């Protein structure tokens, strides 16, 4: 691999780096939007400045639009290239190149290698389903996370909260899209569903959309026109249909969802980056069966912002909101201003996130073990005292 890189660059690439740099100064680095071929994919002056050192080496900028095993498609000023990813597939799964990355590609060669990629502005990460709880990057440099939720089945608010936690943690702005809104013809009933999700997603726009009738599609297109969006959701949520509606043509294959549970097969099997006709780009993803958190404590806090605000008024700074005196969270449960389901979900996601982090953080594991031992000792002492009283 490295010998191929050296041979291809020693005579035709690095020796002619000034030529290649000048070529890109005339195209991708031109500040005139009309003359920047990559502008439609999100290229801007800030990315150009980041890329400048690689341009001096004669490397070519491009955005990753699809990743396969060992290869990826990169769109450049001269078109889409099929490139080799041997240099950007390290053992650390957090550093593997993914759809949405801005890559530095060799200008010539067969194959042409991606040498590196620019630092990510945002990254959508979840934990894998393996026991090792490794991270999996789903998309990079995303501005909007569109969470597609089907109205063909009963709302799963807990799952929506999971998606929201991952979205907030990524640095992207979440947006919940309630698909198949035409299946809820009663406007009042639809408004109640929207309200339920809005309560679950504070600070997040909730938009009912129907690809069949066109309801909400123009609004959604306007919201995502200014950047990169990733489309997330379970199989059968209508993601591919929604993508086609935004694209204005049948680009993504669509399969019917099962009537019994509203789930479908994975019609999208890879993450693809597509240019939207109204501006912006869309990363369509396969349906996610599992939505595991990965070091998403701040994301969880953002989803349950009202609980975090209440907790600041608790008597004890380390209040667990279980039975402590002066707990503002439990007081809100009592007076009905906070739903108990929200608190249960908050606790569940925090526990899950703590377990994931503990698997990779030795110090946190030790702290958890000490906490378990202390609680166990306290429990045994209380039991012994109780038995003594019984005697």
Protein backbone atom coordinates (compact mmCIF):
# COMPACT_ATOMS: atom_id res chain seq x y z
CA UNK A 1 0.00 0.00 0.00
CA UNK A 2 2.62 2.55 1.04
CA UNK A 3 4.93 1.61 -1.85
CA UNK A 4 2.07 2.20 -4.28
CA UNK A 5 1.48 5.60 -2.70
CA UNK A 6 5.17 6.52 -2.90
CA UNK A 7 5.58 5.40 -6.49
CA UNK A 8 2.45 7.16 -7.71
CA UNK A 9 3.44 10.38 -5.97
CA UNK A 10 7.19 10.44 -6.52
CA UNK A 11 6.94 11.25 -10.21
CA UNK A 12 3.39 12.33 -11.02
CA UNK A 13 1.88 13.76 -7.84
CA UNK A 14 4.16 15.28 -5.24
CA UNK A 15 6.66 16.53 -7.86
CA UNK A 16 3.76 18.37 -9.49
CA UNK A 17 2.13 19.54 -6.28
CA UNK A 18 2.31 23.19 -7.32
CA UNK A 19 0.31 22.37 -10.44
CA UNK A 20 -2.34 20.48 -8.47
CA UNK A 21 -2.53 23.21 -5.84
CA UNK A 22 -2.99 25.86 -8.50
CA UNK A 23 -5.68 23.73 -10.12
CA UNK A 24 -7.67 23.59 -6.89
CA UNK A 25 -7.15 27.27 -6.22
CA UNK A 26 -9.00 27.80 -9.51
CA UNK A 27 -11.86 25.46 -8.57
CA UNK A 28 -12.68 24.14 -5.13
CA UNK A 29 -10.97 26.95 -3.24
CA UNK A 30 -12.51 29.79 -5.23
CA UNK A 31 -14.72 31.80 -2.87
CA UNK A 32 -17.34 32.35 -5.58
CA UNK A 33 -20.16 29.90 -4.81
CA UNK A 34 -21.00 29.57 -8.50
CA UNK A 35 -17.53 28.23 -9.32
CA UNK A 36 -17.16 25.78 -6.43
CA UNK A 37 -18.15 22.32 -7.66
CA UNK A 38 -18.29 20.97 -4.10
CA UNK A 39 -20.44 23.81 -2.73
CA UNK A 40 -23.61 21.75 -3.22
CA UNK A 41 -22.11 19.11 -0.91
CA UNK A 42 -21.39 21.58 1.88
CA UNK A 43 -17.89 22.78 0.97
CA UNK A 44 -17.20 26.24 2.39
CA UNK A 45 -14.32 28.58 3.14
CA UNK A 46 -13.76 27.02 6.56
CA UNK A 47 -13.33 23.55 5.03
CA UNK A 48 -11.04 25.05 2.38
CA UNK A 49 -8.85 26.57 5.08
CA UNK A 50 -8.71 23.21 6.91
CA UNK A 51 -7.73 21.47 3.69
CA UNK A 52 -4.99 23.92 2.68
CA UNK A 53 -2.06 21.84 4.07
CA UNK A 54 -3.24 18.80 2.08
CA UNK A 55 -3.69 20.87 -1.05
CA UNK A 56 -0.04 21.84 -0.75
CA UNK A 57 0.78 18.11 -0.92
CA UNK A 58 -1.22 17.80 -4.14
CA UNK A 59 -4.12 15.92 -2.54
CA UNK A 60 -7.68 16.36 -3.77
CA UNK A 61 -10.64 17.34 -1.52
CA UNK A 62 -13.88 15.41 -1.72
CA UNK A 63 -16.84 14.30 0.37
CA UNK A 64 -17.51 10.66 1.18
CA UNK A 65 -20.93 9.73 -0.19
CA UNK A 66 -20.82 5.98 0.43
CA UNK A 67 -18.59 3.51 2.30
CA UNK A 68 -18.20 -0.19 1.52
CA UNK A 69 -15.76 -2.73 2.87
CA UNK A 70 -12.31 -1.51 1.88
CA UNK A 71 -13.56 1.15 -0.52
CA UNK A 72 -15.64 4.31 -0.61
CA UNK A 73 -17.14 6.70 -3.15
CA UNK A 74 -15.83 10.25 -2.87
CA UNK A 75 -17.34 13.13 -4.83
CA UNK A 76 -14.68 15.60 -5.97
CA UNK A 77 -14.60 18.66 -8.21
CA UNK A 78 -13.94 16.32 -11.14
CA UNK A 79 -16.69 13.82 -10.34
CA UNK A 80 -17.18 10.78 -8.12
CA UNK A 81 -14.17 8.54 -7.51
CA UNK A 82 -14.04 4.95 -6.31
CA UNK A 83 -11.23 5.02 -3.75
CA UNK A 84 -9.35 2.64 -1.47
CA UNK A 85 -9.70 3.17 2.31
CA UNK A 86 -6.68 1.18 3.51
CA UNK A 87 -5.15 4.26 5.15
CA UNK A 88 -8.35 5.35 6.94
CA UNK A 89 -9.59 2.09 8.47
CA UNK A 90 -7.69 1.94 11.80
CA UNK A 91 -8.43 -0.49 14.60
CA UNK A 92 -10.15 2.29 16.54
CA UNK A 93 -13.75 2.24 15.22
CA UNK A 94 -14.16 5.91 16.16
CA UNK A 95 -11.53 6.84 13.57
CA UNK A 96 -12.83 4.79 10.65
CA UNK A 97 -13.86 6.94 7.68
CA UNK A 98 -17.61 7.25 7.24
CA UNK A 99 -20.27 8.85 5.08
CA UNK A 100 -20.16 12.63 5.40
CA UNK A 101 -16.42 12.91 6.00
CA UNK A 102 -14.33 15.37 3.96
CA UNK A 103 -11.48 13.31 2.53
CA UNK A 104 -8.02 14.03 1.14
CA UNK A 105 -7.62 11.82 -1.94
CA UNK A 106 -4.62 11.03 -4.12
CA UNK A 107 -4.90 12.93 -7.43
CA UNK A 108 -3.72 9.95 -9.51
CA UNK A 109 -3.16 6.22 -9.11
CA UNK A 110 -4.87 2.90 -9.59
CA UNK A 111 -6.30 2.45 -7.07
CA UNK A 112 -6.51 5.96 -5.69
CA UNK A 113 -6.24 6.06 -1.91
CA UNK A 114 -7.95 8.24 0.66
CA UNK A 115 -4.95 9.44 2.65
CA UNK A 116 -6.83 11.09 5.53
CA UNK A 117 -9.94 13.10 6.34
CA UNK A 118 -10.56 16.46 7.95
CA UNK A 119 -11.50 16.76 11.65
CA UNK A 120 -15.22 16.21 12.09
CA UNK A 121 -17.46 19.05 13.16
CA UNK A 122 -20.08 16.60 14.41
CA UNK A 123 -20.37 12.80 14.55
CA UNK A 124 -23.44 10.64 15.10
CA UNK A 125 -22.26 7.70 17.23
CA UNK A 126 -24.05 4.74 18.78
CA UNK A 127 -22.79 1.65 20.59
CA UNK A 128 -22.76 -1.61 18.70
CA UNK A 129 -24.87 -4.58 19.71
CA UNK A 130 -21.75 -6.58 20.59
CA UNK A 131 -20.76 -7.35 24.16
CA UNK A 132 -17.67 -5.20 23.68
CA UNK A 133 -19.88 -2.13 23.35
CA UNK A 134 -17.73 -0.54 20.70
CA UNK A 135 -18.67 2.71 19.05
CA UNK A 136 -20.13 2.85 15.56
CA UNK A 137 -20.10 6.12 13.65
CA UNK A 138 -23.21 6.43 11.51
CA UNK A 139 -22.56 9.81 9.88
CA UNK A 140 -20.15 12.73 10.10
CA UNK A 141 -20.43 16.50 9.75
CA UNK A 142 -24.20 16.51 10.20
CA UNK A 143 -26.20 19.68 10.91
CA UNK A 144 -29.69 18.17 11.27
CA UNK A 145 -30.70 14.76 12.63
CA UNK A 146 -34.11 13.85 11.19
CA UNK A 147 -35.72 11.22 13.43
CA UNK A 148 -38.45 9.49 11.42
CA UNK A 149 -41.29 8.06 13.52
CA UNK A 150 -44.18 6.21 11.90
CA UNK A 151 -47.75 7.07 12.85
CA UNK A 152 -48.86 3.71 11.46
CA UNK A 153 -48.06 2.15 14.85
CA UNK A 154 -48.32 3.25 18.48
CA UNK A 155 -45.75 5.87 19.46
CA UNK A 156 -42.74 4.56 21.38
CA UNK A 157 -41.74 7.65 23.33
CA UNK A 158 -38.84 5.89 25.00
CA UNK A 159 -37.26 5.07 21.65
CA UNK A 160 -37.72 8.65 20.50
CA UNK A 161 -35.86 9.79 23.62
CA UNK A 162 -32.99 7.43 22.76
CA UNK A 163 -32.66 8.84 19.26
CA UNK A 164 -32.82 12.36 20.64
CA UNK A 165 -30.05 11.66 23.16
CA UNK A 166 -27.76 10.41 20.39
CA UNK A 167 -28.66 13.35 18.17
CA UNK A 168 -27.98 15.97 20.84
CA UNK A 169 -24.72 14.27 21.77
CA UNK A 170 -23.58 14.37 18.15
CA UNK A 171 -23.74 18.14 18.02
CA UNK A 172 -26.50 18.14 15.39
CA UNK A 173 -29.92 19.76 15.78
CA UNK A 174 -32.62 17.07 16.11
CA UNK A 175 -35.91 17.21 14.24
CA UNK A 176 -38.70 14.67 14.78
CA UNK A 177 -40.72 13.88 11.67
CA UNK A 178 -43.97 11.97 12.21
CA UNK A 179 -44.31 10.06 8.94
CA UNK A 180 -47.48 8.62 7.38
CA UNK A 181 -49.55 11.45 8.85
CA UNK A 182 -52.28 10.65 6.30
CA UNK A 183 -53.08 7.56 8.38
CA UNK A 184 -54.37 9.87 11.14
CA UNK A 185 -57.13 11.79 9.31
CA UNK A 186 -58.57 13.37 12.47
CA UNK A 187 -56.80 16.74 12.95
CA UNK A 188 -57.51 16.74 16.67
CA UNK A 189 -56.09 13.25 17.13
CA UNK A 190 -53.00 14.22 15.12
CA UNK A 191 -52.49 17.34 17.23
CA UNK A 192 -52.53 15.23 20.39
CA UNK A 193 -49.86 12.93 18.96
CA UNK A 194 -47.71 15.91 18.03
CA UNK A 195 -48.17 17.32 21.52
CA UNK A 196 -47.09 14.01 23.12
CA UNK A 197 -43.88 14.02 21.11
CA UNK A 198 -43.24 17.72 21.79
CA UNK A 199 -43.44 16.99 25.51
CA UNK A 200 -40.93 14.18 24.99
CA UNK A 201 -38.64 16.37 22.88
CA UNK A 202 -38.23 19.79 24.54
CA UNK A 203 -36.61 22.32 22.24
CA UNK A 204 -37.12 20.13 19.16
CA UNK A 205 -39.39 20.84 16.19
CA UNK A 206 -41.97 18.09 15.63
CA UNK A 207 -43.37 17.95 12.11
CA UNK A 208 -46.15 15.65 10.82
CA UNK A 209 -45.42 14.67 7.23
CA UNK A 210 -47.15 12.58 4.58
CA UNK A 211 -45.23 11.60 1.47
CA UNK A 212 -48.56 10.43 0.02
CA UNK A 213 -50.38 13.76 0.28
CA UNK A 214 -47.31 16.01 0.40
CA UNK A 215 -48.28 17.41 3.81
CA UNK A 216 -45.24 18.91 5.56
CA UNK A 217 -42.74 17.95 2.84
CA UNK A 218 -42.08 21.53 1.70
CA UNK A 219 -41.63 22.69 5.29
CA UNK A 220 -39.16 19.87 5.96
CA UNK A 221 -37.25 20.64 2.76
CA UNK A 222 -36.92 24.27 3.83
CA UNK A 223 -35.66 23.32 7.29
CA UNK A 224 -32.91 21.03 5.97
CA UNK A 225 -31.91 23.14 2.97
CA UNK A 226 -29.09 24.84 4.79
CA UNK A 227 -26.76 21.95 5.57
CA UNK A 228 -26.25 18.21 5.93
CA UNK A 229 -29.04 16.06 7.36
CA UNK A 230 -29.02 12.44 8.45
CA UNK A 231 -32.24 10.43 8.27
CA UNK A 232 -32.70 8.01 11.18
CA UNK A 233 -35.34 5.60 12.35
CA UNK A 234 -36.47 2.01 12.53
CA UNK A 235 -37.15 -0.11 9.47
CA UNK A 236 -40.68 0.61 8.31
CA UNK A 237 -40.64 4.20 9.56
CA UNK A 238 -40.90 5.46 6.00
CA UNK A 239 -37.36 6.85 5.69
CA UNK A 240 -36.83 5.82 2.06
CA UNK A 241 -40.25 7.16 1.07
CA UNK A 242 -39.47 10.40 2.88
CA UNK A 243 -36.07 10.61 1.16
CA UNK A 244 -37.74 10.19 -2.24
CA UNK A 245 -40.20 12.96 -1.39
CA UNK A 246 -37.36 15.31 -0.49
CA UNK A 247 -35.38 14.32 -3.59
CA UNK A 248 -38.39 14.74 -5.87
CA UNK A 249 -37.82 11.37 -7.55
CA UNK A 250 -37.78 7.65 -6.84
CA UNK A 251 -34.13 7.26 -5.90
CA UNK A 252 -34.43 4.99 -2.86
CA UNK A 253 -36.08 1.57 -3.06
CA UNK A 254 -39.22 1.20 -0.96
CA UNK A 255 -40.82 -1.90 0.55
CA UNK A 256 -44.12 -2.20 2.37
CA UNK A 257 -44.06 -2.49 6.15
CA UNK A 258 -45.74 -5.43 7.90
CA UNK A 259 -49.24 -4.56 8.98
CA UNK A 260 -48.91 -6.46 12.27
CA UNK A 261 -46.18 -4.25 13.74
CA UNK A 262 -45.40 -1.61 11.13
CA UNK A 263 -41.84 -2.86 10.70
CA UNK A 264 -40.16 -3.39 7.38
CA UNK A 265 -37.07 -4.94 5.88
CA UNK A 266 -33.88 -2.95 5.35
CA UNK A 267 -34.52 -1.39 1.95
CA UNK A 268 -31.51 0.86 2.55
CA UNK A 269 -28.42 -1.24 3.27
CA UNK A 270 -25.71 1.42 3.17
CA UNK A 271 -25.41 5.05 4.22
CA UNK A 272 -25.68 7.22 1.12
CA UNK A 273 -25.17 10.98 0.81
CA UNK A 274 -27.52 12.61 -1.69
CA UNK A 275 -27.86 16.21 -2.91
CA UNK A 276 -31.32 17.70 -2.35
CA UNK A 277 -32.83 19.79 -5.18
CA UNK A 278 -33.86 22.53 -2.75
CA UNK A 279 -30.38 22.79 -1.25
CA UNK A 280 -28.52 20.77 1.35
CA UNK A 281 -27.55 17.12 1.36
CA UNK A 282 -29.21 14.08 2.94
CA UNK A 283 -27.58 10.97 4.41
CA UNK A 284 -30.05 8.09 4.31
CA UNK A 285 -29.27 5.27 6.73
CA UNK A 286 -30.44 1.66 7.11
CA UNK A 287 -33.16 1.06 9.68
CA UNK A 288 -31.73 0.76 13.19
CA UNK A 289 -32.95 -2.22 15.22
CA UNK A 290 -30.91 -1.18 18.23
CA UNK A 291 -30.28 2.35 19.44
CA UNK A 292 -27.53 1.94 22.01
CA UNK A 293 -26.12 4.96 23.78
CA UNK A 294 -22.39 5.60 23.65
CA UNK A 295 -21.01 8.11 26.16
CA UNK A 296 -24.07 10.30 25.70
CA UNK A 297 -24.54 11.80 29.16
CA UNK A 298 -24.84 15.37 27.90
CA UNK A 299 -27.28 14.22 25.23
CA UNK A 300 -29.46 12.54 27.85
CA UNK A 301 -29.35 15.71 29.92
CA UNK A 302 -30.51 17.73 26.91
CA UNK A 303 -33.46 15.38 26.25
CA UNK A 304 -34.55 15.58 29.89
CA UNK A 305 -33.73 19.24 30.37
CA UNK A 306 -36.72 19.82 32.64
CA UNK A 307 -35.50 17.12 35.05
CA UNK A 308 -31.98 18.56 35.08
CA UNK A 309 -33.43 22.00 35.88
CA UNK A 310 -35.54 20.59 38.70
CA UNK A 311 -32.56 18.67 40.09
CA UNK A 312 -30.68 21.95 40.57
CA UNK A 313 -33.25 22.82 43.28
CA UNK A 314 -32.90 19.52 45.18
CA UNK A 315 -31.65 19.84 48.76
CA UNK A 316 -28.71 17.50 48.11
CA UNK A 317 -26.42 18.05 45.13
CA UNK A 318 -26.04 14.27 44.65
CA UNK A 319 -29.76 13.56 44.98
CA UNK A 320 -30.76 10.31 43.26
CA UNK A 321 -34.44 11.34 43.12
CA UNK A 322 -35.48 8.16 44.92
CA UNK A 323 -36.72 9.06 48.42
CA UNK A 324 -34.45 11.88 49.53
CA UNK A 325 -36.02 14.73 51.54
CA UNK A 326 -36.22 18.03 49.69
CA UNK A 327 -36.13 16.40 46.24
CA UNK A 328 -37.53 18.88 43.74
CA UNK A 329 -37.91 16.17 41.08
CA UNK A 330 -40.11 13.97 43.29
CA UNK A 331 -42.10 17.06 44.28
CA UNK A 332 -42.81 17.68 40.59
CA UNK A 333 -43.99 14.07 40.26
CA UNK A 334 -46.31 14.59 43.21
CA UNK A 335 -47.89 17.79 41.89
CA UNK A 336 -48.25 16.36 38.37
CA UNK A 337 -45.95 18.83 36.61
CA UNK A 338 -43.56 15.99 35.69
CA UNK A 339 -44.69 12.64 34.28
CA UNK A 340 -43.35 9.63 36.16
CA UNK A 341 -42.66 7.94 32.81
CA UNK A 342 -40.16 10.70 32.02
CA UNK A 343 -38.27 10.15 35.26
CA UNK A 344 -38.21 6.38 34.73
CA UNK A 345 -36.88 6.83 31.20
CA UNK A 346 -34.28 9.34 32.42
CA UNK A 347 -33.00 6.90 35.04
CA UNK A 348 -32.92 4.05 32.56
CA UNK A 349 -30.88 5.93 29.95
CA UNK A 350 -28.44 7.27 32.55
CA UNK A 351 -27.88 3.75 33.92
CA UNK A 352 -27.35 2.35 30.43
CA UNK A 353 -24.94 5.11 29.51
CA UNK A 354 -23.01 4.60 32.73
CA UNK A 355 -22.62 0.88 31.99
CA UNK A 356 -21.32 1.62 28.50
CA UNK A 357 -18.83 4.19 29.73
CA UNK A 358 -17.71 1.93 32.57
CA UNK A 359 -16.68 -0.76 30.10
CA UNK A 360 -14.06 1.57 28.65
CA UNK A 361 -13.26 3.69 31.74
CA UNK A 362 -11.35 1.82 34.44
CA UNK A 363 -11.62 4.66 36.95
CA UNK A 364 -15.40 4.84 36.56
CA UNK A 365 -15.62 1.05 36.95
CA UNK A 366 -13.75 1.31 40.24
CA UNK A 367 -16.05 4.12 41.43
CA UNK A 368 -19.13 2.05 40.58
CA UNK A 369 -17.73 -0.96 42.43
CA UNK A 370 -17.01 1.18 45.50
CA UNK A 371 -20.53 2.59 45.34
CA UNK A 372 -22.00 -0.93 45.11
CA UNK A 373 -19.93 -2.10 48.09
CA UNK A 374 -20.92 0.93 50.16
CA UNK A 375 -24.59 0.43 49.39
CA UNK A 376 -24.28 -3.30 50.09
CA UNK A 377 -22.63 -2.62 53.46
CA UNK A 378 -25.31 -0.07 54.31
CA UNK A 379 -28.02 -2.56 53.38
CA UNK A 380 -26.47 -5.30 55.51
CA UNK A 381 -26.11 -2.91 58.46
CA UNK A 382 -29.75 -1.91 58.15
CA UNK A 383 -30.78 -5.58 58.00
CA UNK A 384 -28.68 -6.45 61.05
CA UNK A 385 -30.18 -3.53 62.96
CA UNK A 386 -33.66 -4.66 61.98
CA UNK A 387 -32.97 -8.23 63.09
CA UNK A 388 -31.61 -6.93 66.38
CA UNK A 389 -34.82 -5.02 66.99
CA UNK A 390 -36.84 -8.13 66.17
CA UNK A 391 -34.98 -10.10 68.82
